[in-house]
Each structure stands twice: as C-alpha cells, then as structure tokens.
Amino acid sequence: MPNLSTALGMEFISTDDEDTCMARMRVDERNRQPFGFLSGGASLALAENLAGVGSTSLCPGCACVGIEVSGSHVKAVVEGDTVTAFGRLVHRGGTLHVWHVDISNSAGELISTVRVTNYVIKGK
C-alpha cells in the first residue's frame, strides 16, 4: 500500500544507537517546488516520518503519531541532490517523545533543523 514515505522517496537507514535514526531522500519531481528546490513541506514530512519510525521502534505494539512539528529551513537544495536526516531522541516519556532532526545536503551542510513531538498510543 502506498504511503507518504514511499511517495516522497524516503529511504530509512539503520543506526547503532536506539535513540537515533536516519533517512535519505533524493530531491526530484516528487518532493520539489516548481522552481526546482526541495519543498520545505517535504523536509518537514521527512523529519516527522523519521521521528515516527524512531518512536515506533522504541515502542513495539504502539501507534506513534506526530502532534507537533516545527522547523527552520536555512539553505536551499536543488533537484538532483540527496538530503540526509539524522534524528536524536531528546525526551522519552511514557506518552510523549521529542525528537531533534537535522537535515543536511550531500555536502554535509545543514539545510533544515526540525523538532518533532510524538504522542505514543499504547496497544495499537
């Protein structure tokens, strides 16, 4: 079944630390603005999906849903480049997880920084 992650071209990458997560996304016609730059909305979607995967991996049998996403875009990325999102868990409560996600271009330059809060629904 199609979902947002596959529709935008996200690829999740495993990490050694359970409090971190990573994903990549090539900038192409699925996630760019008409001007050829990565859409800010696609960056936020990448961060929120990444944090959701991270929270879900920490809480098997639960549904983890984003309830707040806030980001700043500091550099444009052109079509053809690939961005990498790295998330770090900054708070792990019983019902709320807070993640900090930095998104960088292929040169390693920061392009967006995003904070995601997930609500953990037990027994889903």
N, C-alpha and C. Protein backbone atom coordinates (compact mmCIF):
# COMPACT_ATOMS: atom_id res chain seq x y z
N MET A 1 0.85 -1.17 0.00
CA MET A 1 0.00 0.00 0.00
C MET A 1 0.90 1.25 0.00
N PRO A 2 0.64 2.21 -0.89
CA PRO A 2 1.45 3.43 -0.93
C PRO A 2 1.29 4.24 0.37
N ASN A 3 2.35 4.93 0.73
CA ASN A 3 2.30 5.81 1.88
C ASN A 3 3.15 7.03 1.59
N LEU A 4 3.16 8.00 2.51
CA LEU A 4 3.88 9.25 2.28
C LEU A 4 5.38 9.02 2.12
N SER A 5 5.94 8.13 2.91
CA SER A 5 7.38 7.87 2.84
C SER A 5 7.79 7.38 1.46
N THR A 6 7.06 6.43 0.91
CA THR A 6 7.40 5.92 -0.42
C THR A 6 7.03 6.92 -1.50
N ALA A 7 5.94 7.64 -1.31
CA ALA A 7 5.52 8.62 -2.32
C ALA A 7 6.57 9.72 -2.50
N LEU A 8 7.24 10.12 -1.41
CA LEU A 8 8.25 11.18 -1.48
C LEU A 8 9.66 10.65 -1.73
N GLY A 9 9.83 9.33 -1.68
CA GLY A 9 11.14 8.73 -1.95
C GLY A 9 12.06 8.62 -0.75
N MET A 10 11.51 8.43 0.44
CA MET A 10 12.34 8.32 1.65
C MET A 10 12.91 6.91 1.78
N GLU A 11 14.16 6.84 2.21
CA GLU A 11 14.83 5.57 2.47
C GLU A 11 15.39 5.62 3.88
N PHE A 12 14.95 4.70 4.72
CA PHE A 12 15.37 4.69 6.13
C PHE A 12 16.66 3.88 6.27
N ILE A 13 17.55 4.37 7.14
CA ILE A 13 18.88 3.79 7.34
C ILE A 13 19.01 3.41 8.81
N SER A 14 19.50 2.22 9.09
CA SER A 14 19.61 1.83 10.49
C SER A 14 20.83 2.47 11.15
N THR A 15 20.69 2.69 12.44
CA THR A 15 21.77 3.28 13.25
C THR A 15 22.07 2.33 14.41
N ASP A 16 23.22 2.52 15.04
CA ASP A 16 23.63 1.66 16.16
C ASP A 16 22.96 2.03 17.48
N ASP A 17 22.57 3.28 17.63
CA ASP A 17 22.01 3.79 18.88
C ASP A 17 20.49 3.84 18.77
N GLU A 18 19.78 3.22 19.71
CA GLU A 18 18.31 3.19 19.64
C GLU A 18 17.68 4.57 19.78
N ASP A 19 18.41 5.53 20.30
CA ASP A 19 17.90 6.90 20.45
C ASP A 19 18.20 7.78 19.24
N THR A 20 18.64 7.16 18.14
CA THR A 20 18.89 7.91 16.91
C THR A 20 18.24 7.19 15.74
N CYS A 21 18.04 7.92 14.67
CA CYS A 21 17.51 7.34 13.44
C CYS A 21 17.95 8.20 12.26
N MET A 22 17.96 7.59 11.07
CA MET A 22 18.42 8.29 9.86
C MET A 22 17.55 7.90 8.67
N ALA A 23 17.47 8.84 7.72
CA ALA A 23 16.79 8.57 6.46
C ALA A 23 17.41 9.47 5.39
N ARG A 24 17.24 9.03 4.15
CA ARG A 24 17.72 9.78 2.99
C ARG A 24 16.56 10.03 2.04
N MET A 25 16.69 11.09 1.26
CA MET A 25 15.68 11.37 0.25
C MET A 25 16.33 12.15 -0.90
N ARG A 26 16.21 11.61 -2.11
CA ARG A 26 16.72 12.31 -3.29
C ARG A 26 15.72 13.39 -3.66
N VAL A 27 16.21 14.56 -4.01
CA VAL A 27 15.34 15.68 -4.41
C VAL A 27 14.98 15.47 -5.88
N ASP A 28 13.69 15.26 -6.14
CA ASP A 28 13.23 15.01 -7.50
C ASP A 28 11.80 15.55 -7.67
N GLU A 29 11.15 15.16 -8.75
CA GLU A 29 9.82 15.71 -9.06
C GLU A 29 8.78 15.37 -8.00
N ARG A 30 9.03 14.40 -7.15
CA ARG A 30 8.07 14.02 -6.11
C ARG A 30 8.06 14.96 -4.92
N ASN A 31 9.17 15.70 -4.69
CA ASN A 31 9.30 16.45 -3.45
C ASN A 31 9.87 17.86 -3.64
N ARG A 32 9.92 18.33 -4.87
CA ARG A 32 10.48 19.66 -5.13
C ARG A 32 9.38 20.67 -5.43
N GLN A 33 9.75 21.94 -5.28
CA GLN A 33 8.87 23.04 -5.69
C GLN A 33 8.92 23.16 -7.21
N PRO A 34 8.01 23.92 -7.80
CA PRO A 34 8.08 24.14 -9.25
C PRO A 34 9.38 24.80 -9.70
N PHE A 35 10.09 25.47 -8.76
CA PHE A 35 11.34 26.17 -9.09
C PHE A 35 12.54 25.24 -9.10
N GLY A 36 12.36 23.96 -8.71
CA GLY A 36 13.46 23.00 -8.71
C GLY A 36 14.16 22.84 -7.38
N PHE A 37 13.66 23.46 -6.32
CA PHE A 37 14.24 23.32 -4.99
C PHE A 37 13.41 22.36 -4.14
N LEU A 38 14.06 21.71 -3.17
CA LEU A 38 13.35 20.85 -2.23
C LEU A 38 12.27 21.67 -1.52
N SER A 39 11.07 21.13 -1.48
CA SER A 39 9.96 21.79 -0.78
C SER A 39 10.18 21.74 0.72
N GLY A 40 9.92 22.86 1.40
CA GLY A 40 10.02 22.88 2.86
C GLY A 40 9.06 21.90 3.49
N GLY A 41 7.90 21.72 2.88
CA GLY A 41 6.93 20.75 3.38
C GLY A 41 7.45 19.33 3.30
N ALA A 42 8.21 19.03 2.24
CA ALA A 42 8.80 17.70 2.10
C ALA A 42 9.87 17.48 3.17
N SER A 43 10.62 18.53 3.50
CA SER A 43 11.61 18.42 4.58
C SER A 43 10.93 18.12 5.91
N LEU A 44 9.84 18.82 6.18
CA LEU A 44 9.10 18.58 7.42
C LEU A 44 8.50 17.18 7.43
N ALA A 45 8.00 16.73 6.28
CA ALA A 45 7.45 15.38 6.19
C ALA A 45 8.54 14.34 6.43
N LEU A 46 9.73 14.57 5.90
CA LEU A 46 10.86 13.67 6.14
C LEU A 46 11.17 13.59 7.63
N ALA A 47 11.25 14.73 8.28
CA ALA A 47 11.56 14.76 9.72
C ALA A 47 10.47 14.09 10.54
N GLU A 48 9.21 14.38 10.26
CA GLU A 48 8.11 13.80 11.03
C GLU A 48 8.03 12.29 10.84
N ASN A 49 8.20 11.83 9.60
CA ASN A 49 8.18 10.40 9.33
C ASN A 49 9.35 9.70 10.01
N LEU A 50 10.53 10.32 9.96
CA LEU A 50 11.70 9.74 10.61
C LEU A 50 11.49 9.61 12.11
N ALA A 51 11.01 10.66 12.75
CA ALA A 51 10.75 10.62 14.19
C ALA A 51 9.67 9.57 14.51
N GLY A 52 8.68 9.44 13.66
CA GLY A 52 7.64 8.42 13.86
C GLY A 52 8.20 7.02 13.81
N VAL A 53 9.09 6.77 12.85
CA VAL A 53 9.75 5.46 12.77
C VAL A 53 10.60 5.23 14.01
N GLY A 54 11.32 6.28 14.45
CA GLY A 54 12.14 6.15 15.65
C GLY A 54 11.32 5.82 16.88
N SER A 55 10.22 6.53 17.09
CA SER A 55 9.37 6.27 18.26
C SER A 55 8.73 4.89 18.18
N THR A 56 8.29 4.49 16.99
CA THR A 56 7.66 3.18 16.82
C THR A 56 8.65 2.05 17.13
N SER A 57 9.92 2.25 16.74
CA SER A 57 10.91 1.21 17.03
C SER A 57 11.17 1.08 18.53
N LEU A 58 10.98 2.17 19.28
CA LEU A 58 11.17 2.14 20.73
C LEU A 58 9.95 1.59 21.47
N CYS A 59 8.80 1.60 20.81
CA CYS A 59 7.55 1.21 21.47
C CYS A 59 6.77 0.21 20.62
N PRO A 60 7.24 -1.03 20.52
CA PRO A 60 6.52 -2.02 19.72
C PRO A 60 5.09 -2.20 20.23
N GLY A 61 4.16 -2.37 19.31
CA GLY A 61 2.77 -2.56 19.67
C GLY A 61 2.02 -1.27 19.93
N CYS A 62 2.70 -0.13 19.78
CA CYS A 62 2.06 1.17 19.98
C CYS A 62 1.96 1.90 18.64
N ALA A 63 1.05 2.84 18.58
CA ALA A 63 0.98 3.76 17.44
C ALA A 63 1.60 5.08 17.90
N CYS A 64 2.54 5.57 17.12
CA CYS A 64 3.22 6.82 17.47
C CYS A 64 2.89 7.85 16.40
N VAL A 65 2.24 8.92 16.81
CA VAL A 65 1.76 9.91 15.85
C VAL A 65 2.31 11.29 16.20
N GLY A 66 2.66 12.04 15.18
CA GLY A 66 3.17 13.39 15.39
C GLY A 66 2.06 14.32 15.84
N ILE A 67 2.34 15.11 16.88
CA ILE A 67 1.36 16.09 17.34
C ILE A 67 1.88 17.52 17.21
N GLU A 68 3.20 17.65 16.99
CA GLU A 68 3.78 18.98 16.76
C GLU A 68 5.05 18.83 15.92
N VAL A 69 5.16 19.67 14.91
CA VAL A 69 6.35 19.71 14.07
C VAL A 69 6.69 21.18 13.85
N SER A 70 7.94 21.53 14.13
CA SER A 70 8.38 22.91 13.96
C SER A 70 9.78 22.90 13.36
N GLY A 71 9.96 23.63 12.27
CA GLY A 71 11.26 23.59 11.62
C GLY A 71 11.69 24.93 11.08
N SER A 72 12.99 25.03 10.87
CA SER A 72 13.59 26.20 10.22
C SER A 72 14.41 25.70 9.04
N HIS A 73 14.19 26.32 7.89
CA HIS A 73 14.92 25.97 6.68
C HIS A 73 15.98 27.05 6.48
N VAL A 74 17.25 26.63 6.41
CA VAL A 74 18.33 27.61 6.39
C VAL A 74 19.12 27.62 5.09
N LYS A 75 18.86 26.64 4.20
CA LYS A 75 19.59 26.59 2.94
C LYS A 75 18.74 25.83 1.92
N ALA A 76 18.77 26.27 0.68
CA ALA A 76 18.02 25.60 -0.38
C ALA A 76 18.80 24.39 -0.90
N VAL A 77 18.06 23.41 -1.42
CA VAL A 77 18.65 22.22 -2.02
C VAL A 77 18.06 22.05 -3.41
N VAL A 78 18.90 21.87 -4.41
CA VAL A 78 18.43 21.77 -5.79
C VAL A 78 18.08 20.33 -6.16
N GLU A 79 17.22 20.22 -7.14
CA GLU A 79 16.84 18.91 -7.67
C GLU A 79 18.09 18.16 -8.11
N GLY A 80 18.12 16.86 -7.80
CA GLY A 80 19.26 16.03 -8.13
C GLY A 80 20.15 15.75 -6.94
N ASP A 81 20.10 16.60 -5.92
CA ASP A 81 20.89 16.38 -4.70
C ASP A 81 20.14 15.37 -3.81
N THR A 82 20.80 14.88 -2.82
CA THR A 82 20.19 13.98 -1.84
C THR A 82 20.36 14.59 -0.46
N VAL A 83 19.28 14.56 0.33
CA VAL A 83 19.35 15.05 1.70
C VAL A 83 19.34 13.86 2.66
N THR A 84 20.00 14.05 3.80
CA THR A 84 20.04 13.04 4.85
C THR A 84 19.52 13.66 6.14
N ALA A 85 18.58 12.97 6.75
CA ALA A 85 18.01 13.42 8.03
C ALA A 85 18.56 12.55 9.14
N PHE A 86 19.03 13.19 10.20
CA PHE A 86 19.53 12.48 11.38
C PHE A 86 18.71 12.95 12.58
N GLY A 87 18.04 12.00 13.22
CA GLY A 87 17.21 12.33 14.37
C GLY A 87 17.80 11.81 15.66
N ARG A 88 17.66 12.60 16.72
CA ARG A 88 18.11 12.21 18.05
C ARG A 88 16.96 12.44 19.03
N LEU A 89 16.65 11.41 19.82
CA LEU A 89 15.61 11.50 20.84
C LEU A 89 16.10 12.39 21.97
N VAL A 90 15.33 13.43 22.30
CA VAL A 90 15.74 14.32 23.38
C VAL A 90 14.86 14.15 24.63
N HIS A 91 13.70 13.50 24.47
CA HIS A 91 12.84 13.20 25.63
C HIS A 91 12.06 11.93 25.32
N ARG A 92 12.12 10.98 26.25
CA ARG A 92 11.35 9.73 26.11
C ARG A 92 10.47 9.55 27.33
N GLY A 93 9.27 10.06 27.24
CA GLY A 93 8.31 9.88 28.32
C GLY A 93 7.39 8.71 28.02
N GLY A 94 6.46 8.46 28.92
CA GLY A 94 5.52 7.36 28.74
C GLY A 94 4.55 7.58 27.60
N THR A 95 4.17 8.83 27.36
CA THR A 95 3.22 9.13 26.29
C THR A 95 3.75 10.13 25.27
N LEU A 96 4.83 10.83 25.57
CA LEU A 96 5.39 11.80 24.62
C LEU A 96 6.86 11.53 24.36
N HIS A 97 7.24 11.61 23.10
CA HIS A 97 8.64 11.57 22.68
C HIS A 97 8.93 12.87 21.95
N VAL A 98 10.08 13.46 22.21
CA VAL A 98 10.51 14.66 21.50
C VAL A 98 11.81 14.33 20.77
N TRP A 99 11.83 14.64 19.47
CA TRP A 99 12.99 14.37 18.62
C TRP A 99 13.54 15.68 18.06
N HIS A 100 14.86 15.73 17.91
CA HIS A 100 15.52 16.81 17.18
C HIS A 100 16.08 16.20 15.91
N VAL A 101 15.70 16.75 14.76
CA VAL A 101 16.12 16.21 13.46
C VAL A 101 16.86 17.30 12.69
N ASP A 102 18.09 17.01 12.28
CA ASP A 102 18.84 17.88 11.38
C ASP A 102 18.86 17.25 10.01
N ILE A 103 18.62 18.07 8.99
CA ILE A 103 18.64 17.60 7.60
C ILE A 103 19.78 18.31 6.90
N SER A 104 20.63 17.54 6.23
CA SER A 104 21.81 18.08 5.54
C SER A 104 21.78 17.69 4.07
N ASN A 105 22.46 18.50 3.25
CA ASN A 105 22.60 18.17 1.83
C ASN A 105 23.76 17.20 1.66
N SER A 106 24.07 16.83 0.40
CA SER A 106 25.13 15.85 0.16
C SER A 106 26.51 16.37 0.51
N ALA A 107 26.66 17.69 0.62
CA ALA A 107 27.94 18.28 1.04
C ALA A 107 28.06 18.35 2.57
N GLY A 108 27.02 17.89 3.28
CA GLY A 108 27.05 17.91 4.74
C GLY A 108 26.62 19.23 5.35
N GLU A 109 26.10 20.14 4.53
CA GLU A 109 25.66 21.45 5.03
C GLU A 109 24.24 21.34 5.58
N LEU A 110 23.99 21.97 6.72
CA LEU A 110 22.67 21.97 7.32
C LEU A 110 21.70 22.71 6.40
N ILE A 111 20.56 22.08 6.12
CA ILE A 111 19.54 22.77 5.32
C ILE A 111 18.25 23.02 6.12
N SER A 112 17.97 22.15 7.09
CA SER A 112 16.80 22.35 7.96
C SER A 112 17.07 21.74 9.32
N THR A 113 16.49 22.35 10.34
CA THR A 113 16.52 21.77 11.68
C THR A 113 15.07 21.73 12.16
N VAL A 114 14.67 20.57 12.69
CA VAL A 114 13.25 20.32 12.97
C VAL A 114 13.10 19.68 14.35
N ARG A 115 12.06 20.08 15.06
CA ARG A 115 11.70 19.47 16.35
C ARG A 115 10.34 18.79 16.15
N VAL A 116 10.27 17.52 16.54
CA VAL A 116 9.04 16.74 16.38
C VAL A 116 8.63 16.18 17.73
N THR A 117 7.35 16.35 18.08
CA THR A 117 6.80 15.73 19.28
C THR A 117 5.82 14.65 18.84
N ASN A 118 6.01 13.43 19.34
CA ASN A 118 5.13 12.30 19.03
C ASN A 118 4.32 11.92 20.26
N TYR A 119 3.08 11.54 20.02
CA TYR A 119 2.21 11.01 21.05
C TYR A 119 2.21 9.49 20.89
N VAL A 120 2.45 8.77 21.97
CA VAL A 120 2.52 7.31 21.95
C VAL A 120 1.19 6.76 22.43
N ILE A 121 0.52 6.04 21.53
CA ILE A 121 -0.78 5.43 21.85
C ILE A 121 -0.54 3.95 22.10
N LYS A 122 -0.76 3.52 23.32
CA LYS A 122 -0.47 2.15 23.70
C LYS A 122 -1.53 1.18 23.18
N GLY A 123 -1.07 -0.02 22.81
CA GLY A 123 -1.99 -1.09 22.42
C GLY A 123 -2.61 -0.96 21.05
N LYS A 124 -1.95 -0.29 20.11
CA LYS A 124 -2.50 -0.14 18.76
C LYS A 124 -1.78 -1.05 17.80
